[in-house]
C-alpha atoms as a PDB file:
ATOM      1  CA  MET A   1      11.253 -22.208  63.457  1.00  0.00           C
ATOM      2  CA  GLN A   2       8.075 -22.527  61.435  1.00  0.00           C
ATOM      3  CA  GLN A   3       8.468 -24.557  58.235  1.00  0.00           C
ATOM      4  CA  PRO A   4       7.259 -23.105  54.912  1.00  0.00           C
ATOM      5  CA  PHE A   5       3.698 -24.099  54.069  1.00  0.00           C
ATOM      6  CA  SER A   6       3.701 -26.640  51.244  1.00  0.00           C
ATOM      7  CA  PRO A   7       0.165 -27.983  50.649  1.00  0.00           C
ATOM      8  CA  MET A   8       1.214 -29.895  47.530  1.00  0.00           C
ATOM      9  CA  ARG A   9       4.036 -31.958  48.967  1.00  0.00           C
ATOM     10  CA  ARG A  10       3.723 -35.538  47.713  1.00  0.00           C
ATOM     11  CA  ILE A  11       5.227 -38.572  49.358  1.00  0.00           C
ATOM     12  CA  VAL A  12       6.480 -40.997  46.705  1.00  0.00           C
ATOM     13  CA  PRO A  13       6.872 -44.663  47.710  1.00  0.00           C
ATOM     14  CA  THR A  14      10.481 -45.809  47.802  1.00  0.00           C
ATOM     15  CA  ASP A  15       9.923 -49.564  47.958  1.00  0.00           C
ATOM     16  CA  GLY A  16       9.965 -50.119  44.197  1.00  0.00           C
ATOM     17  CA  PRO A  17       9.360 -48.606  40.756  1.00  0.00           C
ATOM     18  CA  ILE A  18       6.077 -46.875  39.989  1.00  0.00           C
ATOM     19  CA  PHE A  19       4.013 -48.145  37.037  1.00  0.00           C
ATOM     20  CA  PRO A  20       1.082 -45.685  36.750  1.00  0.00           C
ATOM     21  CA  LEU A  21      -0.805 -47.690  34.091  1.00  0.00           C
ATOM     22  CA  ALA A  22      -0.427 -51.136  35.659  1.00  0.00           C
ATOM     23  CA  GLY A  23      -3.908 -51.272  37.168  1.00  0.00           C
ATOM     24  CA  LEU A  24      -5.763 -50.460  33.933  1.00  0.00           C
ATOM     25  CA  ASN A  25      -5.176 -53.828  32.229  1.00  0.00           C
ATOM     26  CA  GLY A  26      -4.768 -52.126  28.858  1.00  0.00           C
ATOM     27  CA  ALA A  27      -8.001 -50.118  29.026  1.00  0.00           C
ATOM     28  CA  ARG A  28      -7.873 -46.493  27.950  1.00  0.00           C
ATOM     29  CA  PRO A  29      -8.515 -44.175  30.913  1.00  0.00           C
ATOM     30  CA  PRO A  30     -11.121 -41.450  30.448  1.00  0.00           C
ATOM     31  CA  ALA A  31      -9.733 -38.211  29.069  1.00  0.00           C
ATOM     32  CA  PRO A  32     -11.084 -34.654  29.319  1.00  0.00           C
ATOM     33  CA  ALA A  33     -12.549 -32.903  26.295  1.00  0.00           C
ATOM     34  CA  TRP A  34      -9.612 -30.509  25.903  1.00  0.00           C
ATOM     35  CA  PHE A  35      -7.251 -33.456  25.467  1.00  0.00           C
ATOM     36  CA  GLU A  36      -9.431 -35.259  22.932  1.00  0.00           C
ATOM     37  CA  ASN A  37      -9.997 -32.038  21.002  1.00  0.00           C
ATOM     38  CA  ALA A  38      -6.256 -31.381  20.839  1.00  0.00           C
ATOM     39  CA  LEU A  39      -5.518 -34.881  19.528  1.00  0.00           C
ATOM     40  CA  ALA A  40      -8.199 -34.379  16.873  1.00  0.00           C
ATOM     41  CA  VAL A  41      -5.931 -31.713  15.348  1.00  0.00           C
ATOM     42  CA  ALA A  42      -3.732 -34.301  13.688  1.00  0.00           C
ATOM     43  CA  PRO A  43      -0.211 -33.330  12.603  1.00  0.00           C
ATOM     44  CA  GLU A  44       1.328 -33.858   9.220  1.00  0.00           C
ATOM     45  CA  ARG A  45       3.825 -36.684   9.587  1.00  0.00           C
ATOM     46  CA  GLY A  46       7.067 -36.815   7.673  1.00  0.00           C
ATOM     47  CA  GLU A  47      10.811 -37.119   8.110  1.00  0.00           C
ATOM     48  CA  PHE A  48      14.116 -35.592   7.140  1.00  0.00           C
ATOM     49  CA  PHE A  49      17.638 -36.959   7.262  1.00  0.00           C
ATOM     50  CA  GLY A  50      19.922 -35.882  10.069  1.00  0.00           C
ATOM     51  CA  ASN A  51      23.500 -37.153  10.136  1.00  0.00           C
ATOM     52  CA  GLY A  52      22.527 -39.987   7.831  1.00  0.00           C
ATOM     53  CA  VAL A  53      19.425 -41.344   9.601  1.00  0.00           C
ATOM     54  CA  PRO A  54      15.727 -40.503   9.145  1.00  0.00           C
ATOM     55  CA  ILE A  55      14.337 -38.169  11.803  1.00  0.00           C
ATOM     56  CA  GLU A  56      10.607 -38.310  12.546  1.00  0.00           C
ATOM     57  CA  LEU A  57       8.927 -34.914  12.028  1.00  0.00           C
ATOM     58  CA  LEU A  58       5.433 -33.784  13.083  1.00  0.00           C
ATOM     59  CA  THR A  59       4.107 -30.390  11.995  1.00  0.00           C
ATOM     60  CA  TRP A  60       1.034 -28.225  12.687  1.00  0.00           C
ATOM     61  CA  GLY A  61       0.002 -24.786  11.474  1.00  0.00           C
ATOM     62  CA  GLU A  62       0.815 -22.727   8.409  1.00  0.00           C
ATOM     63  CA  VAL A  63       4.267 -22.213   6.962  1.00  0.00           C
ATOM     64  CA  GLY A  64       5.083 -18.516   7.154  1.00  0.00           C
ATOM     65  CA  LYS A  65       3.860 -17.992  10.694  1.00  0.00           C
ATOM     66  CA  PRO A  66       6.416 -17.648  13.533  1.00  0.00           C
ATOM     67  CA  GLY A  67       8.115 -20.962  14.287  1.00  0.00           C
ATOM     68  CA  LEU A  68       7.829 -23.060  17.432  1.00  0.00           C
ATOM     69  CA  LEU A  69       9.932 -26.229  17.860  1.00  0.00           C
ATOM     70  CA  PHE A  70       9.049 -28.814  20.527  1.00  0.00           C
ATOM     71  CA  LEU A  71      11.711 -31.284  21.750  1.00  0.00           C
ATOM     72  CA  HIS A  72      10.963 -34.331  23.921  1.00  0.00           C
ATOM     73  CA  GLY A  73      12.866 -35.805  26.857  1.00  0.00           C
ATOM     74  CA  TYR A  74      15.107 -38.864  27.071  1.00  0.00           C
ATOM     75  CA  ALA A  75      13.490 -42.080  25.774  1.00  0.00           C
ATOM     76  CA  GLY A  76      10.460 -40.112  24.566  1.00  0.00           C
ATOM     77  CA  HIS A  77       9.207 -39.238  21.090  1.00  0.00           C
ATOM     78  CA  ALA A  78       7.567 -36.452  19.097  1.00  0.00           C
ATOM     79  CA  ASP A  79       4.019 -37.441  20.094  1.00  0.00           C
ATOM     80  CA  TRP A  80       4.685 -36.281  23.641  1.00  0.00           C
ATOM     81  CA  TRP A  81       3.749 -32.905  22.130  1.00  0.00           C
ATOM     82  CA  SER A  82       0.721 -33.999  20.071  1.00  0.00           C
ATOM     83  CA  PHE A  83      -1.712 -32.781  22.748  1.00  0.00           C
ATOM     84  CA  VAL A  84       0.173 -29.490  23.290  1.00  0.00           C
ATOM     85  CA  ALA A  85       1.214 -28.193  19.852  1.00  0.00           C
ATOM     86  CA  PRO A  86      -2.404 -27.814  18.615  1.00  0.00           C
ATOM     87  CA  PHE A  87      -2.932 -25.077  21.230  1.00  0.00           C
ATOM     88  CA  PHE A  88      -0.349 -22.981  19.364  1.00  0.00           C
ATOM     89  CA  ALA A  89      -1.064 -23.969  15.760  1.00  0.00           C
ATOM     90  CA  ALA A  90      -3.387 -21.049  15.015  1.00  0.00           C
ATOM     91  CA  ASP A  91      -0.606 -18.533  15.623  1.00  0.00           C
ATOM     92  CA  TYR A  92       2.574 -20.512  14.976  1.00  0.00           C
ATOM     93  CA  ARG A  93       4.123 -22.984  12.578  1.00  0.00           C
ATOM     94  CA  CYS A  94       4.777 -25.810  15.045  1.00  0.00           C
ATOM     95  CA  ALA A  95       7.011 -28.858  14.765  1.00  0.00           C
ATOM     96  CA  ALA A  96       8.134 -31.741  16.955  1.00  0.00           C
ATOM     97  CA  ILE A  97      10.833 -34.292  16.202  1.00  0.00           C
ATOM     98  CA  SER A  98      11.855 -37.658  17.594  1.00  0.00           C
ATOM     99  CA  PHE A  99      15.559 -37.691  18.329  1.00  0.00           C
ATOM    100  CA  ALA A 100      17.663 -40.341  16.596  1.00  0.00           C
ATOM    101  CA  GLY A 101      17.338 -43.639  18.452  1.00  0.00           C
ATOM    102  CA  MET A 102      13.886 -42.753  19.784  1.00  0.00           C
ATOM    103  CA  GLY A 103      10.338 -42.814  18.453  1.00  0.00           C
ATOM    104  CA  ARG A 104      10.168 -43.642  14.755  1.00  0.00           C
ATOM    105  CA  SER A 105      13.516 -42.076  13.948  1.00  0.00           C
ATOM    106  CA  GLY A 106      16.451 -44.147  12.739  1.00  0.00           C
ATOM    107  CA  HIS A 107      19.181 -45.618  14.915  1.00  0.00           C
ATOM    108  CA  ARG A 108      22.830 -44.597  14.884  1.00  0.00           C
ATOM    109  CA  PRO A 109      25.378 -47.313  13.952  1.00  0.00           C
ATOM    110  CA  GLY A 110      26.639 -49.131  17.020  1.00  0.00           C
ATOM    111  CA  GLY A 111      24.134 -47.407  19.298  1.00  0.00           C
ATOM    112  CA  ILE A 112      26.463 -44.439  19.842  1.00  0.00           C
ATOM    113  CA  TYR A 113      24.631 -41.134  20.423  1.00  0.00           C
ATOM    114  CA  ASP A 114      25.842 -37.734  21.517  1.00  0.00           C
ATOM    115  CA  PHE A 115      24.260 -34.409  22.283  1.00  0.00           C
ATOM    116  CA  GLY A 116      26.116 -32.694  19.454  1.00  0.00           C
ATOM    117  CA  ALA A 117      24.379 -34.846  16.829  1.00  0.00           C
ATOM    118  CA  TRP A 118      20.991 -34.393  18.525  1.00  0.00           C
ATOM    119  CA  ALA A 119      21.601 -30.613  18.573  1.00  0.00           C
ATOM    120  CA  ASP A 120      22.397 -30.706  14.855  1.00  0.00           C
ATOM    121  CA  ASP A 121      19.144 -32.606  14.245  1.00  0.00           C
ATOM    122  CA  ALA A 122      17.196 -29.916  16.123  1.00  0.00           C
ATOM    123  CA  HIS A 123      18.885 -27.249  14.007  1.00  0.00           C
ATOM    124  CA  GLN A 124      18.082 -29.079  10.762  1.00  0.00           C
ATOM    125  CA  ALA A 125      14.446 -29.445  11.819  1.00  0.00           C
ATOM    126  CA  ILE A 126      14.029 -25.677  11.480  1.00  0.00           C
ATOM    127  CA  ALA A 127      14.503 -25.727   7.699  1.00  0.00           C
ATOM    128  CA  ALA A 128      12.814 -29.119   7.264  1.00  0.00           C
ATOM    129  CA  ALA A 129       9.619 -27.856   8.919  1.00  0.00           C
ATOM    130  CA  GLY A 130       9.735 -24.313   7.543  1.00  0.00           C
ATOM    131  CA  LEU A 131       9.989 -22.817  11.021  1.00  0.00           C
ATOM    132  CA  ASP A 132      12.027 -19.868   9.762  1.00  0.00           C
ATOM    133  CA  ALA A 133       9.816 -19.041   6.761  1.00  0.00           C
ATOM    134  CA  SER A 134       8.483 -15.962   8.559  1.00  0.00           C
ATOM    135  CA  GLY A 135      11.967 -14.453   8.416  1.00  0.00           C
ATOM    136  CA  ALA A 136      12.451 -14.823  12.181  1.00  0.00           C
ATOM    137  CA  ARG A 137      14.188 -17.530  14.153  1.00  0.00           C
ATOM    138  CA  PRO A 138      11.851 -19.947  15.983  1.00  0.00           C
ATOM    139  CA  VAL A 139      11.409 -20.430  19.712  1.00  0.00           C
ATOM    140  CA  VAL A 140      12.257 -23.864  21.109  1.00  0.00           C
ATOM    141  CA  VAL A 141      10.372 -25.585  23.953  1.00  0.00           C
ATOM    142  CA  ALA A 142      12.414 -28.475  25.354  1.00  0.00           C
ATOM    143  CA  GLN A 143      11.487 -31.063  27.999  1.00  0.00           C
ATOM    144  CA  SER A 144      14.129 -32.423  30.397  1.00  0.00           C
ATOM    145  CA  MET A 145      17.147 -33.831  28.486  1.00  0.00           C
ATOM    146  CA  ALA A 146      16.100 -31.837  25.428  1.00  0.00           C
ATOM    147  CA  GLY A 147      16.925 -28.670  27.326  1.00  0.00           C
ATOM    148  CA  PHE A 148      20.597 -29.636  27.009  1.00  0.00           C
ATOM    149  CA  VAL A 149      20.115 -30.321  23.293  1.00  0.00           C
ATOM    150  CA  ALA A 150      18.338 -27.005  22.702  1.00  0.00           C
ATOM    151  CA  LEU A 151      20.942 -25.030  24.643  1.00  0.00           C
ATOM    152  CA  LEU A 152      23.767 -26.672  22.711  1.00  0.00           C
ATOM    153  CA  ALA A 153      21.995 -25.997  19.385  1.00  0.00           C
ATOM    154  CA  ALA A 154      21.488 -22.361  20.409  1.00  0.00           C
ATOM    155  CA  ILE A 155      25.194 -21.982  21.252  1.00  0.00           C
ATOM    156  CA  ARG A 156      26.446 -23.792  18.137  1.00  0.00           C
ATOM    157  CA  HIS A 157      24.059 -22.382  15.553  1.00  0.00           C
ATOM    158  CA  ASP A 158      22.465 -19.250  17.087  1.00  0.00           C
ATOM    159  CA  CYS A 159      19.245 -20.587  15.584  1.00  0.00           C
ATOM    160  CA  PHE A 160      16.554 -19.683  18.151  1.00  0.00           C
ATOM    161  CA  SER A 161      14.917 -16.423  19.179  1.00  0.00           C
ATOM    162  CA  GLY A 162      14.003 -17.865  22.586  1.00  0.00           C
ATOM    163  CA  LEU A 163      14.595 -20.990  24.683  1.00  0.00           C
ATOM    164  CA  ILE A 164      12.064 -22.528  27.095  1.00  0.00           C
ATOM    165  CA  PRO A 165      13.624 -25.533  28.881  1.00  0.00           C
ATOM    166  CA  ILE A 166      11.280 -27.557  31.084  1.00  0.00           C
ATOM    167  CA  ASP A 167      12.803 -29.132  34.200  1.00  0.00           C
ATOM    168  CA  THR A 168      16.207 -29.654  32.626  1.00  0.00           C
ATOM    169  CA  GLY A 169      18.776 -30.700  35.209  1.00  0.00           C
ATOM    170  CA  TYR A 170      21.366 -28.058  34.401  1.00  0.00           C
ATOM    171  CA  ARG A 171      24.329 -28.280  36.741  1.00  0.00           C
ATOM    172  CA  THR A 172      25.898 -25.148  38.125  1.00  0.00           C
ATOM    173  CA  GLU A 173      28.971 -26.924  39.469  1.00  0.00           C
ATOM    174  CA  ALA A 174      31.691 -28.686  37.499  1.00  0.00           C
ATOM    175  CA  LEU A 175      31.696 -32.490  37.478  1.00  0.00           C
ATOM    176  CA  PRO A 176      34.860 -34.460  38.218  1.00  0.00           C
ATOM    177  CA  PRO A 177      36.323 -35.867  34.960  1.00  0.00           C
ATOM    178  CA  ALA A 178      35.452 -39.440  35.991  1.00  0.00           C
ATOM    179  CA  ASP A 179      31.752 -38.508  36.240  1.00  0.00           C
ATOM    180  CA  ARG A 180      31.427 -36.705  32.930  1.00  0.00           C
ATOM    181  CA  VAL A 181      30.601 -39.699  30.718  1.00  0.00           C
ATOM    182  CA  ARG A 182      27.448 -41.429  31.867  1.00  0.00           C
ATOM    183  CA  LEU A 183      24.006 -42.577  30.740  1.00  0.00           C
ATOM    184  CA  GLY A 184      25.566 -45.353  28.669  1.00  0.00           C
ATOM    185  CA  GLN A 185      23.838 -48.352  30.153  1.00  0.00           C
ATOM    186  CA  GLY A 186      21.631 -49.158  27.174  1.00  0.00           C
ATOM    187  CA  HIS A 187      18.016 -50.267  27.605  1.00  0.00           C
ATOM    188  CA  ARG A 188      16.498 -53.658  28.146  1.00  0.00           C
ATOM    189  CA  ASP A 189      15.060 -54.898  24.860  1.00  0.00           C
ATOM    190  CA  ARG A 190      11.843 -56.465  26.133  1.00  0.00           C
ATOM    191  CA  LEU A 191       9.292 -58.308  24.033  1.00  0.00           C
ATOM    192  CA  PHE A 192       5.732 -57.960  25.331  1.00  0.00           C
ATOM    193  CA  ALA A 193       3.049 -60.432  24.294  1.00  0.00           C
ATOM    194  CA  THR A 194       0.357 -57.727  24.165  1.00  0.00           C
ATOM    195  CA  VAL A 195       0.017 -53.957  24.171  1.00  0.00           C
ATOM    196  CA  ALA A 196      -1.593 -54.214  27.619  1.00  0.00           C
ATOM    197  CA  GLU A 197       1.511 -55.954  28.960  1.00  0.00           C
ATOM    198  CA  GLY A 198       3.731 -53.195  27.607  1.00  0.00           C
ATOM    199  CA  LEU A 199       1.508 -50.432  28.991  1.00  0.00           C
ATOM    200  CA  ALA A 200       1.607 -52.034  32.422  1.00  0.00           C
ATOM    201  CA  ARG A 201       5.419 -51.708  32.424  1.00  0.00           C
ATOM    202  CA  TYR A 202       5.517 -48.085  31.263  1.00  0.00           C
ATOM    203  CA  ARG A 203       7.075 -45.745  33.819  1.00  0.00           C
ATOM    204  CA  LEU A 204       8.380 -42.219  34.110  1.00  0.00           C
ATOM    205  CA  SER A 205      11.958 -41.289  34.928  1.00  0.00           C
ATOM    206  CA  PRO A 206      12.735 -40.306  37.631  1.00  0.00           C
ATOM    207  CA  ASP A 207      10.076 -42.484  39.238  1.00  0.00           C
ATOM    208  CA  GLN A 208       6.920 -40.568  40.059  1.00  0.00           C
ATOM    209  CA  PRO A 209       3.151 -40.997  40.109  1.00  0.00           C
ATOM    210  CA  CYS A 210       0.996 -39.091  37.640  1.00  0.00           C
ATOM    211  CA  ALA A 211      -2.432 -37.586  38.161  1.00  0.00           C
ATOM    212  CA  ASN A 212      -3.213 -37.708  34.424  1.00  0.00           C
ATOM    213  CA  PRO A 213      -3.155 -41.358  33.306  1.00  0.00           C
ATOM    214  CA  PHE A 214      -4.768 -40.370  29.987  1.00  0.00           C
ATOM    215  CA  VAL A 215      -1.543 -38.542  29.084  1.00  0.00           C
ATOM    216  CA  LEU A 216       0.652 -41.519  29.940  1.00  0.00           C
ATOM    217  CA  ASP A 217      -1.641 -43.964  28.167  1.00  0.00           C
ATOM    218  CA  HIS A 218      -1.430 -41.853  24.997  1.00  0.00           C
ATOM    219  CA  VAL A 219       2.353 -41.533  24.935  1.00  0.00           C
ATOM    220  CA  ALA A 220       2.899 -45.128  26.106  1.00  0.00           C
ATOM    221  CA  ARG A 221       0.794 -46.601  23.287  1.00  0.00           C
ATOM    222  CA  LEU A 222       2.821 -44.581  20.805  1.00  0.00           C
ATOM    223  CA  SER A 223       6.025 -45.820  22.434  1.00  0.00           C
ATOM    224  CA  LEU A 224       5.360 -49.421  21.312  1.00  0.00           C
ATOM    225  CA  ARG A 225       5.885 -51.049  17.930  1.00  0.00           C
ATOM    226  CA  GLU A 226       4.674 -54.426  16.704  1.00  0.00           C
ATOM    227  CA  ALA A 227       7.617 -56.791  16.170  1.00  0.00           C
ATOM    228  CA  ASP A 228       8.581 -60.474  16.392  1.00  0.00           C
ATOM    229  CA  GLY A 229       5.065 -61.622  17.218  1.00  0.00           C
ATOM    230  CA  GLY A 230       4.734 -59.133  20.069  1.00  0.00           C
ATOM    231  CA  TRP A 231       5.482 -55.524  20.985  1.00  0.00           C
ATOM    232  CA  ARG A 232       8.751 -53.698  21.692  1.00  0.00           C
ATOM    233  CA  TRP A 233       9.629 -50.192  22.789  1.00  0.00           C
ATOM    234  CA  LEU A 234      10.372 -47.627  20.079  1.00  0.00           C
ATOM    235  CA  LEU A 235      13.864 -47.089  21.452  1.00  0.00           C
ATOM    236  CA  ASP A 236      17.327 -48.242  20.421  1.00  0.00           C
ATOM    237  CA  PRO A 237      18.206 -50.854  23.077  1.00  0.00           C
ATOM    238  CA  ALA A 238      21.918 -50.348  22.344  1.00  0.00           C
ATOM    239  CA  MET A 239      21.806 -46.605  23.056  1.00  0.00           C
ATOM    240  CA  THR A 240      24.959 -45.236  24.659  1.00  0.00           C
ATOM    241  CA  THR A 241      25.066 -41.515  25.391  1.00  0.00           C
ATOM    242  CA  ASP A 242      28.064 -39.284  26.011  1.00  0.00           C
ATOM    243  CA  LEU A 243      27.240 -36.409  28.368  1.00  0.00           C
ATOM    244  CA  ARG A 244      30.466 -34.452  28.023  1.00  0.00           C
ATOM    245  CA  LEU A 245      28.906 -31.764  25.829  1.00  0.00           C
ATOM    246  CA  CYS A 246      26.108 -30.761  28.175  1.00  0.00           C
ATOM    247  CA  TRP A 247      27.338 -30.489  31.751  1.00  0.00           C
ATOM    248  CA  GLU A 248      29.508 -27.375  31.735  1.00  0.00           C
ATOM    249  CA  PRO A 249      28.167 -24.758  34.206  1.00  0.00           C
ATOM    250  CA  GLU A 250      29.007 -21.727  32.061  1.00  0.00           C
ATOM    251  CA  MET A 251      26.776 -22.959  29.201  1.00  0.00           C
ATOM    252  CA  LEU A 252      23.684 -21.332  30.727  1.00  0.00           C
ATOM    253  CA  ARG A 253      25.101 -17.902  29.878  1.00  0.00           C
ATOM    254  CA  GLN A 254      26.437 -18.720  26.418  1.00  0.00           C
ATOM    255  CA  ALA A 255      23.200 -18.725  24.423  1.00  0.00           C
ATOM    256  CA  ALA A 256      22.469 -15.321  22.880  1.00  0.00           C
ATOM    257  CA  CYS A 257      18.684 -15.780  22.974  1.00  0.00           C
ATOM    258  CA  PRO A 258      16.523 -15.135  26.066  1.00  0.00           C
ATOM    259  CA  MET A 259      15.591 -18.079  28.285  1.00  0.00           C
ATOM    260  CA  ALA A 260      12.506 -18.817  30.384  1.00  0.00           C
ATOM    261  CA  TYR A 261      13.389 -21.796  32.581  1.00  0.00           C
ATOM    262  CA  VAL A 262      10.299 -23.758  33.704  1.00  0.00           C
ATOM    263  CA  HIS A 263      10.419 -26.368  36.472  1.00  0.00           C
ATOM    264  CA  GLY A 264       8.118 -28.521  38.584  1.00  0.00           C
ATOM    265  CA  GLN A 265       7.572 -27.580  42.215  1.00  0.00           C
ATOM    266  CA  ARG A 266       8.343 -31.117  43.441  1.00  0.00           C
ATOM    267  CA  SER A 267      10.886 -32.138  40.822  1.00  0.00           C
ATOM    268  CA  ALA A 268      13.253 -34.787  42.168  1.00  0.00           C
ATOM    269  CA  LEU A 269      15.724 -33.771  39.469  1.00  0.00           C
ATOM    270  CA  VAL A 270      15.684 -30.001  39.902  1.00  0.00           C
ATOM    271  CA  ALA A 271      14.359 -29.027  43.352  1.00  0.00           C
ATOM    272  CA  HIS A 272      17.767 -29.334  45.045  1.00  0.00           C
ATOM    273  CA  ARG A 273      19.566 -27.294  42.378  1.00  0.00           C
ATOM    274  CA  ILE A 274      17.032 -24.628  41.386  1.00  0.00           C
ATOM    275  CA  ALA A 275      18.716 -21.917  43.463  1.00  0.00           C
ATOM    276  CA  GLY A 276      21.956 -22.477  41.574  1.00  0.00           C
ATOM    277  CA  ILE A 277      20.167 -22.518  38.219  1.00  0.00           C
ATOM    278  CA  ARG A 278      18.411 -19.238  38.971  1.00  0.00           C
ATOM    279  CA  ALA A 279      21.711 -17.642  39.959  1.00  0.00           C
ATOM    280  CA  ALA A 280      23.399 -18.900  36.775  1.00  0.00           C
ATOM    281  CA  LEU A 281      20.830 -17.465  34.345  1.00  0.00           C
ATOM    282  CA  LYS A 282      21.723 -14.443  32.214  1.00  0.00           C
ATOM    283  CA  PRO A 283      20.372 -11.034  33.222  1.00  0.00           C
ATOM    284  CA  GLY A 284      16.832 -10.796  31.866  1.00  0.00           C
ATOM    285  CA  ASP A 285      16.256 -14.565  31.871  1.00  0.00           C
ATOM    286  CA  VAL A 286      13.545 -15.907  34.187  1.00  0.00           C
ATOM    287  CA  ALA A 287      12.728 -19.069  36.103  1.00  0.00           C
ATOM    288  CA  ILE A 288       9.078 -20.113  36.499  1.00  0.00           C
ATOM    289  CA  GLU A 289       7.807 -22.753  38.921  1.00  0.00           C
ATOM    290  CA  ILE A 290       4.774 -24.908  38.046  1.00  0.00           C
ATOM    291  CA  PRO A 291       2.864 -25.828  41.250  1.00  0.00           C
ATOM    292  CA  ASP A 292       1.752 -29.397  41.905  1.00  0.00           C
ATOM    293  CA  ALA A 293       4.216 -30.835  39.369  1.00  0.00           C
ATOM    294  CA  ASP A 294       7.036 -33.342  39.577  1.00  0.00           C
ATOM    295  CA  HIS A 295       9.804 -33.650  36.980  1.00  0.00           C
ATOM    296  CA  ASN A 296       7.527 -34.581  34.082  1.00  0.00           C
ATOM    297  CA  VAL A 297       5.671 -31.273  34.003  1.00  0.00           C
ATOM    298  CA  LEU A 298       4.261 -32.107  30.589  1.00  0.00           C
ATOM    299  CA  ALA A 299       2.370 -35.055  32.086  1.00  0.00           C
ATOM    300  CA  ASP A 300       1.649 -33.560  35.512  1.00  0.00           C
ATOM    301  CA  GLN A 301       0.319 -30.111  34.579  1.00  0.00           C
ATOM    302  CA  PRO A 302      -0.116 -29.834  30.794  1.00  0.00           C
ATOM    303  CA  LEU A 303      -2.645 -26.982  30.874  1.00  0.00           C
ATOM    304  CA  ALA A 304      -0.560 -24.943  33.313  1.00  0.00           C
ATOM    305  CA  LEU A 305       2.472 -25.513  31.102  1.00  0.00           C
ATOM    306  CA  ILE A 306       0.559 -24.403  28.000  1.00  0.00           C
ATOM    307  CA  ALA A 307      -0.517 -21.231  29.825  1.00  0.00           C
ATOM    308  CA  VAL A 308       3.056 -20.480  30.913  1.00  0.00           C
ATOM    309  CA  VAL A 309       4.466 -20.993  27.411  1.00  0.00           C
ATOM    310  CA  ARG A 310       1.737 -18.778  25.927  1.00  0.00           C
ATOM    311  CA  THR A 311       2.518 -16.040  28.440  1.00  0.00           C
ATOM    312  CA  VAL A 312       6.278 -16.213  27.802  1.00  0.00           C
ATOM    313  CA  LEU A 313       5.771 -16.106  24.030  1.00  0.00           C
ATOM    314  CA  ALA A 314       3.431 -13.121  24.314  1.00  0.00           C
ATOM    315  CA  GLY A 315       5.959 -11.286  26.452  1.00  0.00           C
ATOM    316  CA  TRP A 316       8.822 -11.917  24.045  1.00  0.00           C
ATOM    317  CA  ARG A 317       6.727 -10.843  21.061  1.00  0.00           C
ATOM    318  CA  ALA A 318       5.738  -7.649  22.852  1.00  0.00           C
ATOM    319  CA  GLU A 319       9.381  -6.911  23.673  1.00  0.00           C
ATOM    320  CA  ALA A 320      10.356  -7.538  20.044  1.00  0.00           C
ATOM    321  CA  ALA A 321       7.622  -5.171  18.835  1.00  0.00           C
ATOM    322  CA  ILE A 322       8.770  -2.469  21.244  1.00  0.00           C
ATOM    323  CA  GLY A 323      12.350  -2.965  20.072  1.00  0.00           C
ATOM    324  CA  LYS A 324      11.348  -2.557  16.433  1.00  0.00           C
ATOM    325  CA  GLY A 325       9.388   0.569  17.257  1.00  0.00           C
ATOM    326  CA  ALA A 326      12.334   2.090  19.106  1.00  0.00           C
ATOM    327  CA  GLY A 327      14.565   1.427  16.107  1.00  0.00           C
ATOM    328  CA  ARG A 328      12.481   3.493  13.700  1.00  0.00           C
END
């Protein structure tokens, strides 16, 4: 039987972790003009308090325009979106936050984190950034782990008009009780002598190469903080995360808002479960594959992702306009 043609299949080495920036020795890789131009549109930087700790907040665009909230993946930070949000700032009031324990947000006492508190932070970001000042609920774009957070916030607070998860590993089968509390290993609190040393140890999760080292260099530099005569990761090393709130199969149908599920063609996290995810979506929801992308679609194919999000937003706005016209 002839095998499906897959010209973009990538073989990833399995003999050790992949450090995409290791060979640069701290030098900044060349970046295309679109990337530099996007970064030149600097956000306003602020914070708000969520469950007692400061939450880092980045905003672009005018208050009063439709809202667009960007949420980063596990161990990331708000600046993962600083080269994406400017593409939407002319038409939307955009915001990105760093979840508690990550980026420049505060740490929870004892290193205990849960998806419910992160979902509450995402909900509070709407008012803090003025994302609902237009009178309409914002759309949320959520990378990886943040797709769980956004879905939970949508179910708890009914606060979004649309949900765009990106390569979130939604399960469509129930987990045994013993497997439902994981991701509590904490993180190694390393001290690097130089920024270059830290950059050389920066890696994606799951392990994968990346064709755009300028993206990784940008987010990696903003993942380090100067401390104790060296540099440490901007991440709570004591972080313990309870997954019980985000692994129930029926959750995919509980959010009232429409969903456009985006995933990478080669994603090690999603490829083996995409059929189940597609089957579990609500009627009217869609799943969109990004070619030539692994799990970290935001790093692998940023321009393709921007185009997909723009298209989804335009479609939802057109549907909303038709709905208003039919109601006259």
